[in-house]
């Protein structure tokens, strides 16, 4: 992350969160439709990899601004920028 690390994190986290919601809805749909083990494994592996991306993004942000990262994911993005 170059420049303003906190702002870059906020943008990347916003994108990550959108993708996360999509992936979770996909997983819920597969479970509701009684998808097979193979299909569920692919979806779950994708969710796990997605969380690995989140931890990479968060680690990069901590290098730029550790206190911003400690504010927590439970705080809305708009709260971080105000």
Protein backbone atom coordinates (compact mmCIF):
# COMPACT_ATOMS: atom_id res chain seq x y z
CA UNK A 1 0.00 0.00 0.00
CA UNK A 2 1.51 3.24 -1.05
CA UNK A 3 0.50 6.73 -0.06
CA UNK A 4 -2.17 6.86 2.58
CA UNK A 5 -2.22 3.33 3.98
CA UNK A 6 -5.42 3.84 5.98
CA UNK A 7 -7.34 5.09 2.97
CA UNK A 8 -5.98 2.28 0.80
CA UNK A 9 -7.07 -0.23 3.42
CA UNK A 10 -10.56 1.28 3.57
CA UNK A 11 -10.94 0.98 -0.20
CA UNK A 12 -9.57 -2.56 -0.33
CA UNK A 13 -11.65 -3.61 2.66
CA UNK A 14 -14.79 -2.21 1.01
CA UNK A 15 -14.09 -4.32 -2.08
CA UNK A 16 -13.26 -7.33 0.06
CA UNK A 17 -16.51 -6.95 1.99
CA UNK A 18 -18.60 -6.81 -1.19
CA UNK A 19 -16.91 -9.97 -2.46
CA UNK A 20 -17.33 -11.58 0.96
CA UNK A 21 -21.08 -10.96 0.92
CA UNK A 22 -21.28 -12.48 -2.55
CA UNK A 23 -19.31 -15.56 -1.46
CA UNK A 24 -21.38 -16.08 1.69
CA UNK A 25 -24.61 -15.80 -0.30
CA UNK A 26 -23.22 -18.33 -2.76
CA UNK A 27 -22.42 -20.68 0.12
CA UNK A 28 -25.87 -20.24 1.67
CA UNK A 29 -27.48 -20.95 -1.70
CA UNK A 30 -25.43 -24.09 -2.21
CA UNK A 31 -26.36 -25.37 1.25
CA UNK A 32 -30.06 -24.55 0.67
CA UNK A 33 -29.95 -26.39 -2.65
CA UNK A 34 -28.28 -29.41 -1.03
CA UNK A 35 -25.18 -29.12 -3.20
CA UNK A 36 -22.81 -32.06 -3.26
CA UNK A 37 -19.67 -32.31 -1.19
CA UNK A 38 -17.44 -31.49 -4.15
CA UNK A 39 -19.27 -28.27 -4.96
CA UNK A 40 -19.37 -27.24 -1.29
CA UNK A 41 -15.64 -27.95 -0.95
CA UNK A 42 -14.89 -25.61 -3.88
CA UNK A 43 -17.01 -22.84 -2.38
CA UNK A 44 -15.60 -23.26 1.15
CA UNK A 45 -12.03 -23.31 -0.19
CA UNK A 46 -12.81 -20.05 -1.99
CA UNK A 47 -14.13 -18.48 1.23
CA UNK A 48 -11.04 -19.59 3.15
CA UNK A 49 -8.76 -18.16 0.46
CA UNK A 50 -10.79 -14.96 0.57
CA UNK A 51 -10.12 -14.65 4.31
CA UNK A 52 -6.42 -15.19 3.61
CA UNK A 53 -6.64 -12.17 1.31
CA UNK A 54 -8.24 -10.20 4.13
CA UNK A 55 -5.41 -11.01 6.52
CA UNK A 56 -2.87 -10.02 3.85
CA UNK A 57 -4.67 -6.71 3.31
CA UNK A 58 -4.84 -6.10 7.05
CA UNK A 59 -1.14 -6.92 7.51
CA UNK A 60 -0.20 -4.51 4.73
CA UNK A 61 -2.35 -1.81 6.35
CA UNK A 62 -0.76 -2.43 9.76
CA UNK A 63 2.64 -1.76 8.24
CA UNK A 64 1.36 1.62 7.08
CA UNK A 65 -0.78 2.57 10.12
CA UNK A 66 -1.04 0.07 12.97
CA UNK A 67 -3.59 2.11 14.95
CA UNK A 68 -6.00 2.23 12.04
CA UNK A 69 -5.93 -1.55 11.84
CA UNK A 70 -6.57 -1.87 15.56
CA UNK A 71 -9.80 0.11 15.29
CA UNK A 72 -11.42 -3.16 14.25
CA UNK A 73 -13.51 -4.47 11.42
CA UNK A 74 -16.67 -3.99 13.44
CA UNK A 75 -16.36 -0.23 12.96
CA UNK A 76 -18.00 0.94 9.76
CA UNK A 77 -15.83 2.35 7.01
CA UNK A 78 -17.56 5.73 7.25
CA UNK A 79 -16.60 5.91 10.94
CA UNK A 80 -12.93 5.44 10.09
CA UNK A 81 -12.89 8.37 7.70
CA UNK A 82 -14.71 10.87 9.90
